[in-house]
Structure formats: structure tokens, C-alpha cells
Amino acid sequence: MPCFVFVAPSGDGWIVRGDFDDGPLEFATGVRAEQAARDLCHRLSDAGEPVVLEIRLRNGERAGRFLFPAYLAEPTMPVALRA
């Protein structure tokens, strides 16, 4: 079962939250939040955990959903797939 990571607006900034023990990570801009979420997803997939990243806009609409497959030592596999 994949791990889920979400980027969403929060008050004056943006948060990254998901299936991890730490509380939500807070960022001033959506770009920084999205990059941090992608970095986290890459680290989790490199560790063998499939990850779904979902990014929301300020109006609540989904901006994107990406699948980061578990790394299987296959260098020709795509890094992330748009879901």
C-alpha cells in the first residue's frame, strides 16, 4: 500500500503532511512546499516505499497527483508518474 503525501494551503502559507510521524511541515510559498514534498517522495521511493503525492490549490481543487514507484534498481524507470 502506498504512502500518501499532501501539499495544501494553510492560512498564510502551505503545508506538507502525510503518512509520517512528524507533524505537518510549513512553508511560506507553494513552490517551496511542493519541492519539499517531491524531495520527501523521492527519499521514500528510494527506500522502497511507493508514494502518492497530491497537490491542492488555494481554492481546494486538485492541481496534480503523482505516483512515485518504489525504487527497484531499474535506472530506466520514470522517476514519477502523473496519476
C-alpha atoms as a PDB file:
ATOM      1  CA  MET A   1       0.000   0.000   0.000  1.00  0.00           C
ATOM      2  CA  PRO A   2       1.454   3.381  -0.928  1.00  0.00           C
ATOM      3  CA  CYS A   3       2.328   6.171   1.444  1.00  0.00           C
ATOM      4  CA  PHE A   4       0.412   9.427   0.869  1.00  0.00           C
ATOM      5  CA  VAL A   5       1.875  12.949   0.932  1.00  0.00           C
ATOM      6  CA  PHE A   6      -0.253  16.079   0.513  1.00  0.00           C
ATOM      7  CA  VAL A   7       0.582  19.713  -0.271  1.00  0.00           C
ATOM      8  CA  ALA A   8      -2.207  22.081   0.731  1.00  0.00           C
ATOM      9  CA  PRO A   9      -2.766  25.730   1.596  1.00  0.00           C
ATOM     10  CA  SER A  10      -2.850  26.643   5.266  1.00  0.00           C
ATOM     11  CA  GLY A  11      -3.583  30.142   6.489  1.00  0.00           C
ATOM     12  CA  ASP A  12      -0.848  32.411   5.138  1.00  0.00           C
ATOM     13  CA  GLY A  13       1.342  29.580   3.863  1.00  0.00           C
ATOM     14  CA  TRP A  14       1.412  25.987   2.716  1.00  0.00           C
ATOM     15  CA  ILE A  15       1.808  22.662   4.497  1.00  0.00           C
ATOM     16  CA  VAL A  16       3.164  19.257   3.592  1.00  0.00           C
ATOM     17  CA  ARG A  17       1.505  16.466   5.528  1.00  0.00           C
ATOM     18  CA  GLY A  18       1.180  12.766   5.113  1.00  0.00           C
ATOM     19  CA  ASP A  19       1.772   9.291   6.441  1.00  0.00           C
ATOM     20  CA  PHE A  20       4.822  10.159   8.511  1.00  0.00           C
ATOM     21  CA  ASP A  21       5.380  10.665  12.228  1.00  0.00           C
ATOM     22  CA  ASP A  22       6.432  14.309  12.104  1.00  0.00           C
ATOM     23  CA  GLY A  23       3.767  16.985  12.209  1.00  0.00           C
ATOM     24  CA  PRO A  24       2.964  18.932   9.065  1.00  0.00           C
ATOM     25  CA  LEU A  25       5.847  20.871   7.549  1.00  0.00           C
ATOM     26  CA  GLU A  26       5.068  24.568   6.995  1.00  0.00           C
ATOM     27  CA  PHE A  27       6.294  26.748   4.114  1.00  0.00           C
ATOM     28  CA  ALA A  28       5.779  30.360   3.058  1.00  0.00           C
ATOM     29  CA  THR A  29       5.214  29.523  -0.627  1.00  0.00           C
ATOM     30  CA  GLY A  30       3.569  26.723  -2.543  1.00  0.00           C
ATOM     31  CA  VAL A  31       6.674  26.256  -4.673  1.00  0.00           C
ATOM     32  CA  ARG A  32       8.827  25.523  -1.632  1.00  0.00           C
ATOM     33  CA  ALA A  33       6.190  23.206  -0.184  1.00  0.00           C
ATOM     34  CA  GLU A  34       5.881  21.301  -3.455  1.00  0.00           C
ATOM     35  CA  GLN A  35       9.653  20.921  -3.812  1.00  0.00           C
ATOM     36  CA  ALA A  36       9.982  19.691  -0.223  1.00  0.00           C
ATOM     37  CA  ALA A  37       7.154  17.210  -0.824  1.00  0.00           C
ATOM     38  CA  ARG A  38       8.776  15.929  -4.020  1.00  0.00           C
ATOM     39  CA  ASP A  39      12.122  15.555  -2.237  1.00  0.00           C
ATOM     40  CA  LEU A  40      10.398  13.598   0.533  1.00  0.00           C
ATOM     41  CA  CYS A  41       8.636  11.391  -2.028  1.00  0.00           C
ATOM     42  CA  HIS A  42      11.928  10.668  -3.791  1.00  0.00           C
ATOM     43  CA  ARG A  43      13.574   9.681  -0.499  1.00  0.00           C
ATOM     44  CA  LEU A  44      10.681   7.393   0.418  1.00  0.00           C
ATOM     45  CA  SER A  45      10.593   5.754  -3.013  1.00  0.00           C
ATOM     46  CA  ASP A  46      14.378   5.292  -2.933  1.00  0.00           C
ATOM     47  CA  ALA A  47      13.856   3.452   0.364  1.00  0.00           C
ATOM     48  CA  GLY A  48      11.435   1.068  -1.363  1.00  0.00           C
ATOM     49  CA  GLU A  49       8.133   2.716  -0.410  1.00  0.00           C
ATOM     50  CA  PRO A  50       5.671   3.624  -3.190  1.00  0.00           C
ATOM     51  CA  VAL A  51       4.317   7.151  -2.663  1.00  0.00           C
ATOM     52  CA  VAL A  52       1.333   9.127  -3.943  1.00  0.00           C
ATOM     53  CA  LEU A  53       1.761  12.915  -3.887  1.00  0.00           C
ATOM     54  CA  GLU A  54      -1.350  15.069  -4.129  1.00  0.00           C
ATOM     55  CA  ILE A  55      -1.113  18.843  -4.569  1.00  0.00           C
ATOM     56  CA  ARG A  56      -4.062  21.146  -3.874  1.00  0.00           C
ATOM     57  CA  LEU A  57      -4.660  24.745  -4.973  1.00  0.00           C
ATOM     58  CA  ARG A  58      -5.876  27.544  -2.685  1.00  0.00           C
ATOM     59  CA  ASN A  59      -9.440  27.031  -3.938  1.00  0.00           C
ATOM     60  CA  GLY A  60      -9.306  23.348  -2.942  1.00  0.00           C
ATOM     61  CA  GLU A  61      -9.058  21.947  -6.456  1.00  0.00           C
ATOM     62  CA  ARG A  62      -6.504  19.252  -7.145  1.00  0.00           C
ATOM     63  CA  ALA A  63      -3.539  20.661  -9.066  1.00  0.00           C
ATOM     64  CA  GLY A  64      -1.846  17.315  -9.543  1.00  0.00           C
ATOM     65  CA  ARG A  65      -1.463  13.771  -8.346  1.00  0.00           C
ATOM     66  CA  PHE A  66       1.784  11.870  -8.836  1.00  0.00           C
ATOM     67  CA  LEU A  67       2.904   8.312  -8.188  1.00  0.00           C
ATOM     68  CA  PHE A  68       6.490   7.700  -7.121  1.00  0.00           C
ATOM     69  CA  PRO A  69       7.022   3.948  -7.579  1.00  0.00           C
ATOM     70  CA  ALA A  70       9.230   2.071  -5.164  1.00  0.00           C
ATOM     71  CA  TYR A  71      12.791   2.122  -6.458  1.00  0.00           C
ATOM     72  CA  LEU A  72      13.583  -1.264  -7.946  1.00  0.00           C
ATOM     73  CA  ALA A  73      17.171  -0.627  -9.087  1.00  0.00           C
ATOM     74  CA  GLU A  74      15.863  -0.118 -12.614  1.00  0.00           C
ATOM     75  CA  PRO A  75      17.538   3.041 -13.979  1.00  0.00           C
ATOM     76  CA  THR A  76      15.208   3.269 -16.984  1.00  0.00           C
ATOM     77  CA  MET A  77      12.056   3.574 -14.846  1.00  0.00           C
ATOM     78  CA  PRO A  78      10.397   7.012 -14.745  1.00  0.00           C
ATOM     79  CA  VAL A  79      11.022   8.956 -11.551  1.00  0.00           C
ATOM     80  CA  ALA A  80       7.386   9.993 -11.074  1.00  0.00           C
ATOM     81  CA  LEU A  81       4.198   9.190 -12.925  1.00  0.00           C
ATOM     82  CA  ARG A  82       1.260  11.556 -13.241  1.00  0.00           C
ATOM     83  CA  ALA A  83      -1.709   9.739 -11.729  1.00  0.00           C
END
